[in-house]
Amino acid sequence: MRSSRKWTARVRRVVLPLLACAAGAVDAASYLRLHVFTANMTGNTVLAGLALASGDPWRARDPLTALCAFAAGVAFARVLRRVRLTFAFEAAVLFATAGLLAHPLLALIAGALALGLQTGATMQLAPGSSTTYMSGTFSKFAAGLGGGADGWFAGAIWLTYLATAFAVGAVLHAAPRAAPAVPIAAGLLVLTAALLSRAVPEQG
């Protein structure tokens, strides 16, 4: 039993950074294209509030759309109740996103839905961890600076997200036509995470 738990912990320590990498890529690409996030709902809430305060409610369309799509993804993950199946759905949505980039609103909906699915699945795979929104992850890292492996692991997830956002930003600034490769690469990362998570017992 103890060796099984150790193996499960090791798998999670590989799977979670892969998922953070996928989320950071999609979130960065979305913000560069639409100035809206697909995973950072705190940011989208602020953007929606600012848009509504500007006297032009139409500007709130995109952040509110992302909020609704993300919520739908989390809810659907709870309905599916199977981590690997949820990751498979997420990967399929990300692959579809690559073909929707000519329609920014549809691409935003697909991206936010995908990362909502990822969030819901991660809540089941590793309760208390996040690979999509970084406020809690960064807080765990900061709280663990005084010691503790969990704090340093949270820091590794945050750095993975940061490094991926930097890489995607650099690539898309240099070669905007490479945008379809971002959701495809993210989908492949999620599929890899799904395969690895077969070693983690399903819950529910």
N, C-alpha and C. Protein backbone atom coordinates (compact mmCIF):
# COMPACT_ATOMS: atom_id res chain seq x y z
N MET A 1 0.82 -1.20 0.00
CA MET A 1 0.00 0.00 0.00
C MET A 1 0.87 1.26 0.00
N ARG A 2 1.94 1.25 0.83
CA ARG A 2 2.80 2.42 0.90
C ARG A 2 3.48 2.67 -0.43
N SER A 3 3.97 1.61 -1.11
CA SER A 3 4.63 1.79 -2.41
C SER A 3 3.64 2.30 -3.45
N SER A 4 2.37 1.86 -3.35
CA SER A 4 1.34 2.35 -4.27
C SER A 4 1.11 3.84 -4.09
N ARG A 5 1.08 4.30 -2.85
CA ARG A 5 0.90 5.72 -2.58
C ARG A 5 2.07 6.53 -3.09
N LYS A 6 3.28 6.00 -2.92
CA LYS A 6 4.46 6.71 -3.41
C LYS A 6 4.41 6.84 -4.93
N TRP A 7 3.99 5.74 -5.60
CA TRP A 7 3.91 5.77 -7.06
C TRP A 7 2.86 6.79 -7.52
N THR A 8 1.71 6.81 -6.82
CA THR A 8 0.67 7.78 -7.15
C THR A 8 1.18 9.20 -7.00
N ALA A 9 1.91 9.47 -5.91
CA ALA A 9 2.47 10.81 -5.69
C ALA A 9 3.46 11.18 -6.78
N ARG A 10 4.29 10.23 -7.21
CA ARG A 10 5.26 10.50 -8.27
C ARG A 10 4.58 10.82 -9.59
N VAL A 11 3.51 10.07 -9.89
CA VAL A 11 2.77 10.33 -11.13
C VAL A 11 2.17 11.72 -11.11
N ARG A 12 1.59 12.10 -9.98
CA ARG A 12 1.00 13.43 -9.89
C ARG A 12 2.06 14.52 -10.07
N ARG A 13 3.26 14.25 -9.61
CA ARG A 13 4.32 15.25 -9.73
C ARG A 13 4.82 15.39 -11.17
N VAL A 14 4.46 14.47 -12.02
CA VAL A 14 4.75 14.61 -13.45
C VAL A 14 3.54 15.17 -14.18
N VAL A 15 2.36 14.68 -13.83
CA VAL A 15 1.13 15.06 -14.53
C VAL A 15 0.80 16.54 -14.31
N LEU A 16 0.90 17.03 -13.10
CA LEU A 16 0.48 18.40 -12.80
C LEU A 16 1.30 19.44 -13.56
N PRO A 17 2.63 19.34 -13.62
CA PRO A 17 3.37 20.30 -14.45
C PRO A 17 3.03 20.22 -15.94
N LEU A 18 2.74 19.02 -16.45
CA LEU A 18 2.31 18.91 -17.85
C LEU A 18 1.03 19.70 -18.08
N LEU A 19 0.10 19.56 -17.15
CA LEU A 19 -1.16 20.28 -17.28
C LEU A 19 -0.96 21.79 -17.14
N ALA A 20 -0.07 22.20 -16.24
CA ALA A 20 0.22 23.63 -16.09
C ALA A 20 0.84 24.19 -17.36
N CYS A 21 1.66 23.39 -18.01
CA CYS A 21 2.27 23.80 -19.27
C CYS A 21 1.19 24.02 -20.33
N ALA A 22 0.25 23.10 -20.42
CA ALA A 22 -0.84 23.23 -21.39
C ALA A 22 -1.68 24.47 -21.10
N ALA A 23 -2.01 24.69 -19.83
CA ALA A 23 -2.84 25.83 -19.45
C ALA A 23 -2.13 27.15 -19.70
N GLY A 24 -0.86 27.22 -19.35
CA GLY A 24 -0.10 28.44 -19.57
C GLY A 24 -0.02 28.81 -21.04
N ALA A 25 0.12 27.80 -21.90
CA ALA A 25 0.19 28.03 -23.34
C ALA A 25 -1.11 28.60 -23.88
N VAL A 26 -2.22 27.97 -23.51
CA VAL A 26 -3.53 28.41 -24.03
C VAL A 26 -3.90 29.77 -23.46
N ASP A 27 -3.65 29.99 -22.18
CA ASP A 27 -3.98 31.27 -21.55
C ASP A 27 -3.19 32.41 -22.18
N ALA A 28 -1.90 32.19 -22.42
CA ALA A 28 -1.06 33.23 -23.01
C ALA A 28 -1.52 33.56 -24.43
N ALA A 29 -1.79 32.52 -25.22
CA ALA A 29 -2.23 32.75 -26.60
C ALA A 29 -3.56 33.49 -26.64
N SER A 30 -4.47 33.13 -25.73
CA SER A 30 -5.77 33.79 -25.69
C SER A 30 -5.62 35.27 -25.33
N TYR A 31 -4.77 35.56 -24.35
CA TYR A 31 -4.63 36.96 -23.95
C TYR A 31 -3.98 37.79 -25.06
N LEU A 32 -3.01 37.21 -25.74
CA LEU A 32 -2.37 37.94 -26.83
C LEU A 32 -3.36 38.26 -27.95
N ARG A 33 -4.28 37.33 -28.21
CA ARG A 33 -5.21 37.49 -29.32
C ARG A 33 -6.43 38.33 -28.95
N LEU A 34 -6.98 38.10 -27.75
CA LEU A 34 -8.25 38.74 -27.38
C LEU A 34 -8.18 39.61 -26.13
N HIS A 35 -7.05 39.61 -25.44
CA HIS A 35 -6.91 40.31 -24.16
C HIS A 35 -7.92 39.80 -23.14
N VAL A 36 -8.20 38.49 -23.24
CA VAL A 36 -9.06 37.79 -22.29
C VAL A 36 -8.38 36.48 -21.95
N PHE A 37 -8.58 36.00 -20.73
CA PHE A 37 -7.96 34.75 -20.29
C PHE A 37 -8.91 33.56 -20.51
N THR A 38 -8.32 32.39 -20.68
CA THR A 38 -9.12 31.17 -20.75
C THR A 38 -9.11 30.41 -19.44
N ALA A 39 -8.21 30.74 -18.53
CA ALA A 39 -8.12 30.03 -17.25
C ALA A 39 -8.18 30.96 -16.05
N ASN A 40 -7.70 32.16 -16.19
CA ASN A 40 -7.62 33.09 -15.06
C ASN A 40 -8.95 33.82 -14.89
N MET A 41 -9.84 33.23 -14.11
CA MET A 41 -11.16 33.82 -13.94
C MET A 41 -11.15 35.03 -13.02
N THR A 42 -10.13 35.14 -12.18
CA THR A 42 -9.98 36.37 -11.40
C THR A 42 -9.74 37.55 -12.33
N GLY A 43 -8.82 37.36 -13.27
CA GLY A 43 -8.54 38.41 -14.25
C GLY A 43 -9.76 38.74 -15.09
N ASN A 44 -10.49 37.70 -15.52
CA ASN A 44 -11.68 37.95 -16.34
C ASN A 44 -12.77 38.67 -15.57
N THR A 45 -12.88 38.37 -14.27
CA THR A 45 -13.87 39.06 -13.45
C THR A 45 -13.54 40.55 -13.37
N VAL A 46 -12.26 40.87 -13.18
CA VAL A 46 -11.84 42.27 -13.14
C VAL A 46 -12.09 42.94 -14.50
N LEU A 47 -11.74 42.25 -15.59
CA LEU A 47 -11.95 42.80 -16.92
C LEU A 47 -13.43 43.07 -17.19
N ALA A 48 -14.29 42.14 -16.75
CA ALA A 48 -15.73 42.33 -16.94
C ALA A 48 -16.22 43.53 -16.14
N GLY A 49 -15.76 43.64 -14.90
CA GLY A 49 -16.17 44.77 -14.07
C GLY A 49 -15.73 46.11 -14.66
N LEU A 50 -14.50 46.17 -15.14
CA LEU A 50 -13.99 47.40 -15.75
C LEU A 50 -14.77 47.74 -17.02
N ALA A 51 -15.10 46.71 -17.80
CA ALA A 51 -15.84 46.94 -19.04
C ALA A 51 -17.24 47.48 -18.72
N LEU A 52 -17.89 46.91 -17.72
CA LEU A 52 -19.23 47.37 -17.36
C LEU A 52 -19.18 48.80 -16.82
N ALA A 53 -18.11 49.13 -16.10
CA ALA A 53 -17.97 50.47 -15.53
C ALA A 53 -17.66 51.51 -16.60
N SER A 54 -17.16 51.08 -17.74
CA SER A 54 -16.77 52.01 -18.79
C SER A 54 -17.96 52.63 -19.50
N GLY A 55 -19.16 52.11 -19.26
CA GLY A 55 -20.33 52.62 -19.96
C GLY A 55 -20.58 51.95 -21.29
N ASP A 56 -19.74 50.97 -21.62
CA ASP A 56 -19.90 50.21 -22.86
C ASP A 56 -20.00 48.73 -22.50
N PRO A 57 -21.18 48.26 -22.12
CA PRO A 57 -21.34 46.87 -21.66
C PRO A 57 -20.89 45.84 -22.68
N TRP A 58 -20.89 46.19 -23.97
CA TRP A 58 -20.49 45.23 -25.00
C TRP A 58 -19.06 44.76 -24.80
N ARG A 59 -18.23 45.61 -24.20
CA ARG A 59 -16.83 45.24 -23.96
C ARG A 59 -16.71 44.11 -22.94
N ALA A 60 -17.77 43.88 -22.19
CA ALA A 60 -17.75 42.80 -21.19
C ALA A 60 -18.08 41.45 -21.81
N ARG A 61 -18.43 41.44 -23.11
CA ARG A 61 -18.85 40.18 -23.74
C ARG A 61 -17.81 39.08 -23.62
N ASP A 62 -16.57 39.38 -23.98
CA ASP A 62 -15.55 38.33 -24.02
C ASP A 62 -15.20 37.79 -22.64
N PRO A 63 -14.91 38.64 -21.64
CA PRO A 63 -14.61 38.06 -20.32
C PRO A 63 -15.79 37.31 -19.71
N LEU A 64 -17.01 37.79 -19.93
CA LEU A 64 -18.18 37.09 -19.40
C LEU A 64 -18.39 35.76 -20.13
N THR A 65 -18.11 35.75 -21.43
CA THR A 65 -18.21 34.51 -22.19
C THR A 65 -17.21 33.48 -21.68
N ALA A 66 -15.98 33.93 -21.42
CA ALA A 66 -14.95 33.03 -20.89
C ALA A 66 -15.36 32.49 -19.52
N LEU A 67 -15.92 33.34 -18.67
CA LEU A 67 -16.37 32.90 -17.35
C LEU A 67 -17.44 31.80 -17.47
N CYS A 68 -18.39 32.00 -18.37
CA CYS A 68 -19.47 31.02 -18.53
C CYS A 68 -18.93 29.71 -19.10
N ALA A 69 -18.05 29.79 -20.09
CA ALA A 69 -17.51 28.58 -20.71
C ALA A 69 -16.64 27.80 -19.73
N PHE A 70 -15.85 28.52 -18.93
CA PHE A 70 -15.00 27.87 -17.92
C PHE A 70 -15.87 27.15 -16.89
N ALA A 71 -16.92 27.84 -16.43
CA ALA A 71 -17.82 27.24 -15.45
C ALA A 71 -18.49 25.99 -16.01
N ALA A 72 -18.87 26.04 -17.29
CA ALA A 72 -19.48 24.87 -17.93
C ALA A 72 -18.51 23.70 -17.97
N GLY A 73 -17.23 24.00 -18.23
CA GLY A 73 -16.22 22.95 -18.26
C GLY A 73 -16.03 22.29 -16.90
N VAL A 74 -15.96 23.10 -15.85
CA VAL A 74 -15.81 22.55 -14.50
C VAL A 74 -17.03 21.69 -14.14
N ALA A 75 -18.22 22.19 -14.46
CA ALA A 75 -19.44 21.45 -14.16
C ALA A 75 -19.50 20.13 -14.92
N PHE A 76 -19.10 20.17 -16.19
CA PHE A 76 -19.13 18.95 -17.00
C PHE A 76 -18.13 17.92 -16.48
N ALA A 77 -16.99 18.40 -15.99
CA ALA A 77 -16.01 17.48 -15.40
C ALA A 77 -16.59 16.78 -14.19
N ARG A 78 -17.39 17.50 -13.42
CA ARG A 78 -18.02 16.90 -12.25
C ARG A 78 -19.06 15.85 -12.66
N VAL A 79 -19.71 16.08 -13.79
CA VAL A 79 -20.69 15.11 -14.29
C VAL A 79 -19.99 13.86 -14.79
N LEU A 80 -18.88 14.04 -15.51
CA LEU A 80 -18.14 12.89 -16.05
C LEU A 80 -17.56 12.02 -14.94
N ARG A 81 -17.00 12.67 -13.92
CA ARG A 81 -16.47 11.99 -12.72
C ARG A 81 -15.35 11.00 -13.03
N ARG A 82 -14.74 11.09 -14.17
CA ARG A 82 -13.62 10.22 -14.52
C ARG A 82 -12.50 11.09 -15.06
N VAL A 83 -11.38 11.10 -14.33
CA VAL A 83 -10.29 12.00 -14.66
C VAL A 83 -9.78 11.78 -16.08
N ARG A 84 -9.50 10.53 -16.42
CA ARG A 84 -8.92 10.26 -17.75
C ARG A 84 -9.90 10.60 -18.86
N LEU A 85 -11.17 10.30 -18.67
CA LEU A 85 -12.17 10.64 -19.67
C LEU A 85 -12.28 12.16 -19.83
N THR A 86 -12.22 12.87 -18.72
CA THR A 86 -12.29 14.33 -18.77
C THR A 86 -11.10 14.90 -19.52
N PHE A 87 -9.90 14.37 -19.25
CA PHE A 87 -8.72 14.83 -19.98
C PHE A 87 -8.85 14.55 -21.47
N ALA A 88 -9.45 13.40 -21.82
CA ALA A 88 -9.65 13.07 -23.23
C ALA A 88 -10.58 14.09 -23.89
N PHE A 89 -11.65 14.45 -23.20
CA PHE A 89 -12.54 15.49 -23.72
C PHE A 89 -11.79 16.81 -23.87
N GLU A 90 -11.00 17.16 -22.87
CA GLU A 90 -10.25 18.41 -22.94
C GLU A 90 -9.33 18.43 -24.16
N ALA A 91 -8.60 17.34 -24.36
CA ALA A 91 -7.69 17.28 -25.50
C ALA A 91 -8.45 17.44 -26.81
N ALA A 92 -9.62 16.79 -26.93
CA ALA A 92 -10.42 16.90 -28.15
C ALA A 92 -10.85 18.35 -28.39
N VAL A 93 -11.25 19.03 -27.31
CA VAL A 93 -11.67 20.43 -27.44
C VAL A 93 -10.49 21.31 -27.85
N LEU A 94 -9.32 21.04 -27.29
CA LEU A 94 -8.13 21.82 -27.66
C LEU A 94 -7.76 21.62 -29.11
N PHE A 95 -7.82 20.37 -29.59
CA PHE A 95 -7.55 20.12 -31.00
C PHE A 95 -8.54 20.88 -31.88
N ALA A 96 -9.81 20.89 -31.47
CA ALA A 96 -10.83 21.62 -32.23
C ALA A 96 -10.56 23.12 -32.23
N THR A 97 -9.99 23.61 -31.12
CA THR A 97 -9.70 25.03 -31.00
C THR A 97 -8.76 25.51 -32.11
N ALA A 98 -7.83 24.64 -32.50
CA ALA A 98 -6.87 25.01 -33.55
C ALA A 98 -7.57 25.36 -34.85
N GLY A 99 -8.73 24.74 -35.10
CA GLY A 99 -9.48 25.03 -36.32
C GLY A 99 -10.46 26.16 -36.18
N LEU A 100 -10.56 26.73 -34.99
CA LEU A 100 -11.53 27.80 -34.74
C LEU A 100 -10.89 29.18 -34.63
N LEU A 101 -9.59 29.26 -34.86
CA LEU A 101 -8.89 30.53 -34.61
C LEU A 101 -9.34 31.65 -35.54
N ALA A 102 -9.95 31.29 -36.68
CA ALA A 102 -10.48 32.32 -37.56
C ALA A 102 -11.76 32.94 -36.98
N HIS A 103 -12.31 32.31 -35.96
CA HIS A 103 -13.51 32.80 -35.29
C HIS A 103 -13.17 33.01 -33.82
N PRO A 104 -12.63 34.17 -33.47
CA PRO A 104 -12.07 34.39 -32.12
C PRO A 104 -13.01 34.07 -30.97
N LEU A 105 -14.30 34.41 -31.10
CA LEU A 105 -15.22 34.15 -30.00
C LEU A 105 -15.39 32.65 -29.78
N LEU A 106 -15.51 31.89 -30.86
CA LEU A 106 -15.64 30.43 -30.74
C LEU A 106 -14.37 29.82 -30.16
N ALA A 107 -13.21 30.35 -30.58
CA ALA A 107 -11.95 29.85 -30.05
C ALA A 107 -11.84 30.14 -28.56
N LEU A 108 -12.33 31.31 -28.14
CA LEU A 108 -12.32 31.67 -26.71
C LEU A 108 -13.21 30.71 -25.93
N ILE A 109 -14.40 30.44 -26.45
CA ILE A 109 -15.32 29.52 -25.77
C ILE A 109 -14.69 28.14 -25.63
N ALA A 110 -14.09 27.65 -26.72
CA ALA A 110 -13.49 26.32 -26.69
C ALA A 110 -12.31 26.27 -25.72
N GLY A 111 -11.46 27.30 -25.74
CA GLY A 111 -10.31 27.32 -24.85
C GLY A 111 -10.70 27.37 -23.39
N ALA A 112 -11.67 28.23 -23.06
CA ALA A 112 -12.11 28.34 -21.66
C ALA A 112 -12.82 27.06 -21.22
N LEU A 113 -13.60 26.46 -22.12
CA LEU A 113 -14.27 25.19 -21.79
C LEU A 113 -13.23 24.11 -21.50
N ALA A 114 -12.18 24.05 -22.33
CA ALA A 114 -11.13 23.04 -22.15
C ALA A 114 -10.44 23.20 -20.81
N LEU A 115 -10.09 24.43 -20.44
CA LEU A 115 -9.38 24.62 -19.18
C LEU A 115 -10.31 24.50 -17.98
N GLY A 116 -11.61 24.71 -18.19
CA GLY A 116 -12.56 24.39 -17.14
C GLY A 116 -12.62 22.89 -16.90
N LEU A 117 -12.61 22.11 -17.98
CA LEU A 117 -12.54 20.65 -17.85
C LEU A 117 -11.28 20.24 -17.11
N GLN A 118 -10.16 20.87 -17.46
CA GLN A 118 -8.90 20.53 -16.79
C GLN A 118 -8.97 20.85 -15.30
N THR A 119 -9.55 21.98 -14.97
CA THR A 119 -9.66 22.36 -13.57
C THR A 119 -10.50 21.36 -12.79
N GLY A 120 -11.64 20.97 -13.37
CA GLY A 120 -12.50 20.00 -12.70
C GLY A 120 -11.82 18.66 -12.51
N ALA A 121 -11.08 18.21 -13.53
CA ALA A 121 -10.38 16.93 -13.43
C ALA A 121 -9.25 17.00 -12.41
N THR A 122 -8.54 18.12 -12.38
CA THR A 122 -7.43 18.27 -11.44
C THR A 122 -7.93 18.29 -10.00
N MET A 123 -9.10 18.85 -9.78
CA MET A 123 -9.69 18.86 -8.43
C MET A 123 -9.93 17.44 -7.94
N GLN A 124 -10.20 16.51 -8.88
CA GLN A 124 -10.39 15.11 -8.50
C GLN A 124 -9.07 14.36 -8.41
N LEU A 125 -8.15 14.68 -9.32
CA LEU A 125 -6.86 13.98 -9.35
C LEU A 125 -5.98 14.35 -8.17
N ALA A 126 -5.93 15.64 -7.85
CA ALA A 126 -5.06 16.13 -6.78
C ALA A 126 -5.76 17.25 -6.04
N PRO A 127 -6.70 16.91 -5.14
CA PRO A 127 -7.44 17.94 -4.41
C PRO A 127 -6.51 18.94 -3.74
N GLY A 128 -6.85 20.22 -3.87
CA GLY A 128 -6.02 21.25 -3.28
C GLY A 128 -4.96 21.80 -4.21
N SER A 129 -4.84 21.21 -5.39
CA SER A 129 -3.85 21.67 -6.37
C SER A 129 -4.56 22.33 -7.54
N SER A 130 -3.86 23.22 -8.21
CA SER A 130 -4.40 23.85 -9.40
C SER A 130 -3.33 23.94 -10.48
N THR A 131 -3.73 23.71 -11.71
CA THR A 131 -2.81 23.83 -12.84
C THR A 131 -3.28 24.90 -13.82
N THR A 132 -4.38 25.59 -13.48
CA THR A 132 -4.93 26.58 -14.40
C THR A 132 -4.88 28.00 -13.83
N TYR A 133 -5.35 28.20 -12.61
CA TYR A 133 -5.27 29.52 -12.01
C TYR A 133 -4.15 29.48 -10.97
N MET A 134 -3.31 30.49 -11.00
CA MET A 134 -2.04 30.43 -10.27
C MET A 134 -2.03 31.15 -8.93
N SER A 135 -3.10 31.86 -8.57
CA SER A 135 -3.08 32.59 -7.30
C SER A 135 -2.89 31.64 -6.12
N GLY A 136 -3.68 30.57 -6.08
CA GLY A 136 -3.56 29.62 -4.99
C GLY A 136 -2.24 28.87 -5.02
N THR A 137 -1.80 28.52 -6.23
CA THR A 137 -0.54 27.80 -6.38
C THR A 137 0.63 28.65 -5.92
N PHE A 138 0.63 29.93 -6.32
CA PHE A 138 1.71 30.83 -5.90
C PHE A 138 1.66 31.06 -4.40
N SER A 139 0.45 31.12 -3.83
CA SER A 139 0.33 31.31 -2.38
C SER A 139 0.90 30.12 -1.63
N LYS A 140 0.64 28.90 -2.14
CA LYS A 140 1.21 27.70 -1.51
C LYS A 140 2.73 27.73 -1.59
N PHE A 141 3.26 28.18 -2.70
CA PHE A 141 4.71 28.31 -2.86
C PHE A 141 5.26 29.31 -1.85
N ALA A 142 4.61 30.48 -1.76
CA ALA A 142 5.09 31.52 -0.83
C ALA A 142 5.01 31.03 0.61
N ALA A 143 3.92 30.33 0.95
CA ALA A 143 3.76 29.83 2.31
C ALA A 143 4.78 28.76 2.64
N GLY A 144 5.26 28.05 1.62
CA GLY A 144 6.21 26.97 1.84
C GLY A 144 7.66 27.37 1.77
N LEU A 145 7.93 28.66 1.60
CA LEU A 145 9.33 29.10 1.49
C LEU A 145 10.12 28.79 2.76
N GLY A 146 9.40 28.70 3.87
CA GLY A 146 10.07 28.38 5.12
C GLY A 146 10.42 26.91 5.26
N GLY A 147 9.98 26.10 4.28
CA GLY A 147 10.27 24.67 4.32
C GLY A 147 9.05 23.87 3.92
N GLY A 148 9.32 22.68 3.35
CA GLY A 148 8.21 21.82 2.95
C GLY A 148 8.23 21.53 1.47
N ALA A 149 8.16 20.26 1.12
CA ALA A 149 8.24 19.86 -0.28
C ALA A 149 7.04 20.35 -1.08
N ASP A 150 5.86 20.39 -0.43
CA ASP A 150 4.66 20.81 -1.15
C ASP A 150 4.78 22.24 -1.65
N GLY A 151 5.37 23.10 -0.83
CA GLY A 151 5.55 24.49 -1.23
C GLY A 151 6.47 24.61 -2.43
N TRP A 152 7.55 23.86 -2.43
CA TRP A 152 8.48 23.91 -3.56
C TRP A 152 7.86 23.31 -4.81
N PHE A 153 7.03 22.30 -4.65
CA PHE A 153 6.37 21.72 -5.82
C PHE A 153 5.37 22.70 -6.41
N ALA A 154 4.65 23.42 -5.54
CA ALA A 154 3.75 24.46 -6.03
C ALA A 154 4.54 25.52 -6.80
N GLY A 155 5.73 25.84 -6.31
CA GLY A 155 6.58 26.79 -7.02
C GLY A 155 7.00 26.27 -8.38
N ALA A 156 7.25 24.96 -8.47
CA ALA A 156 7.63 24.37 -9.75
C ALA A 156 6.48 24.46 -10.75
N ILE A 157 5.25 24.24 -10.27
CA ILE A 157 4.08 24.36 -11.16
C ILE A 157 3.94 25.80 -11.64
N TRP A 158 4.07 26.75 -10.72
CA TRP A 158 3.97 28.16 -11.09
C TRP A 158 5.04 28.55 -12.10
N LEU A 159 6.27 28.11 -11.88
CA LEU A 159 7.36 28.42 -12.82
C LEU A 159 7.12 27.78 -14.18
N THR A 160 6.54 26.59 -14.20
CA THR A 160 6.21 25.93 -15.46
C THR A 160 5.21 26.76 -16.24
N TYR A 161 4.19 27.23 -15.55
CA TYR A 161 3.17 28.08 -16.17
C TYR A 161 3.80 29.36 -16.71
N LEU A 162 4.64 29.99 -15.89
CA LEU A 162 5.31 31.23 -16.29
C LEU A 162 6.20 31.01 -17.50
N ALA A 163 7.02 29.96 -17.47
CA ALA A 163 7.94 29.69 -18.57
C ALA A 163 7.20 29.39 -19.87
N THR A 164 6.08 28.67 -19.76
CA THR A 164 5.31 28.36 -20.95
C THR A 164 4.68 29.62 -21.54
N ALA A 165 4.14 30.48 -20.68
CA ALA A 165 3.57 31.74 -21.17
C ALA A 165 4.64 32.58 -21.86
N PHE A 166 5.85 32.61 -21.29
CA PHE A 166 6.95 33.34 -21.91
C PHE A 166 7.29 32.77 -23.28
N ALA A 167 7.39 31.42 -23.36
CA ALA A 167 7.76 30.78 -24.61
C ALA A 167 6.71 31.02 -25.69
N VAL A 168 5.43 30.88 -25.32
CA VAL A 168 4.36 31.10 -26.30
C VAL A 168 4.35 32.56 -26.75
N GLY A 169 4.53 33.49 -25.81
CA GLY A 169 4.58 34.90 -26.18
C GLY A 169 5.70 35.20 -27.14
N ALA A 170 6.88 34.64 -26.88
CA ALA A 170 8.03 34.88 -27.76
C ALA A 170 7.78 34.30 -29.16
N VAL A 171 7.25 33.09 -29.21
CA VAL A 171 7.00 32.45 -30.51
C VAL A 171 5.95 33.21 -31.30
N LEU A 172 4.84 33.58 -30.65
CA LEU A 172 3.75 34.22 -31.38
C LEU A 172 4.09 35.65 -31.79
N HIS A 173 4.93 36.33 -31.02
CA HIS A 173 5.39 37.65 -31.46
C HIS A 173 6.27 37.53 -32.70
N ALA A 174 7.08 36.48 -32.74
CA ALA A 174 7.98 36.29 -33.88
C ALA A 174 7.28 35.67 -35.08
N ALA A 175 6.33 34.78 -34.81
CA ALA A 175 5.66 34.05 -35.89
C ALA A 175 4.18 33.89 -35.56
N PRO A 176 3.36 34.92 -35.79
CA PRO A 176 1.93 34.85 -35.45
C PRO A 176 1.20 33.69 -36.12
N ARG A 177 1.69 33.26 -37.27
CA ARG A 177 1.01 32.17 -37.98
C ARG A 177 1.17 30.82 -37.27
N ALA A 178 2.01 30.79 -36.26
CA ALA A 178 2.19 29.55 -35.51
C ALA A 178 1.09 29.33 -34.48
N ALA A 179 0.12 30.25 -34.41
CA ALA A 179 -0.93 30.17 -33.38
C ALA A 179 -1.66 28.83 -33.34
N PRO A 180 -2.02 28.21 -34.49
CA PRO A 180 -2.72 26.92 -34.40
C PRO A 180 -1.92 25.82 -33.71
N ALA A 181 -0.60 25.96 -33.69
CA ALA A 181 0.23 24.94 -33.05
C ALA A 181 0.07 24.95 -31.53
N VAL A 182 -0.36 26.08 -30.97
CA VAL A 182 -0.45 26.19 -29.50
C VAL A 182 -1.50 25.25 -28.92
N PRO A 183 -2.78 25.31 -29.38
CA PRO A 183 -3.75 24.36 -28.80
C PRO A 183 -3.46 22.91 -29.16
N ILE A 184 -2.83 22.67 -30.32
CA ILE A 184 -2.48 21.29 -30.68
C ILE A 184 -1.44 20.75 -29.71
N ALA A 185 -0.40 21.55 -29.45
CA ALA A 185 0.64 21.13 -28.51
C ALA A 185 0.04 20.94 -27.11
N ALA A 186 -0.86 21.85 -26.72
CA ALA A 186 -1.50 21.73 -25.41
C ALA A 186 -2.32 20.45 -25.33
N GLY A 187 -3.03 20.12 -26.41
CA GLY A 187 -3.81 18.90 -26.44
C GLY A 187 -2.96 17.66 -26.29
N LEU A 188 -1.80 17.66 -26.93
CA LEU A 188 -0.87 16.52 -26.81
C LEU A 188 -0.35 16.39 -25.39
N LEU A 189 -0.09 17.52 -24.74
CA LEU A 189 0.35 17.48 -23.34
C LEU A 189 -0.74 16.89 -22.44
N VAL A 190 -1.98 17.27 -22.70
CA VAL A 190 -3.09 16.76 -21.89
C VAL A 190 -3.29 15.26 -22.13
N LEU A 191 -3.15 14.83 -23.38
CA LEU A 191 -3.25 13.40 -23.66
C LEU A 191 -2.16 12.62 -22.94
N THR A 192 -0.95 13.17 -22.92
CA THR A 192 0.14 12.54 -22.18
C THR A 192 -0.19 12.44 -20.70
N ALA A 193 -0.76 13.52 -20.16
CA ALA A 193 -1.16 13.51 -18.75
C ALA A 193 -2.24 12.46 -18.50
N ALA A 194 -3.16 12.31 -19.46
CA ALA A 194 -4.22 11.31 -19.32
C ALA A 194 -3.64 9.91 -19.27
N LEU A 195 -2.67 9.63 -20.14
CA LEU A 195 -2.05 8.31 -20.16
C LEU A 195 -1.30 8.03 -18.87
N LEU A 196 -0.57 9.03 -18.38
CA LEU A 196 0.18 8.85 -17.14
C LEU A 196 -0.75 8.68 -15.94
N SER A 197 -1.88 9.38 -15.98
CA SER A 197 -2.78 9.33 -14.83
C SER A 197 -3.50 8.00 -14.72
N ARG A 198 -3.29 7.09 -15.68
CA ARG A 198 -3.85 5.74 -15.54
C ARG A 198 -3.31 5.05 -14.31
N ALA A 199 -2.16 5.50 -13.83
CA ALA A 199 -1.55 4.88 -12.65
C ALA A 199 -2.18 5.38 -11.36
N VAL A 200 -3.04 6.42 -11.46
CA VAL A 200 -3.67 6.98 -10.27
C VAL A 200 -5.09 6.44 -10.17
N PRO A 201 -5.46 5.81 -9.05
CA PRO A 201 -6.82 5.27 -8.91
C PRO A 201 -7.88 6.34 -9.10
N GLU A 202 -8.93 5.99 -9.86
CA GLU A 202 -10.05 6.91 -10.03
C GLU A 202 -10.84 7.01 -8.74
N GLN A 203 -11.43 8.19 -8.53
CA GLN A 203 -12.26 8.40 -7.34
C GLN A 203 -13.72 8.51 -7.75
N GLY A 204 -14.61 8.07 -6.90
CA GLY A 204 -16.03 8.24 -7.15
C GLY A 204 -16.64 7.08 -7.92
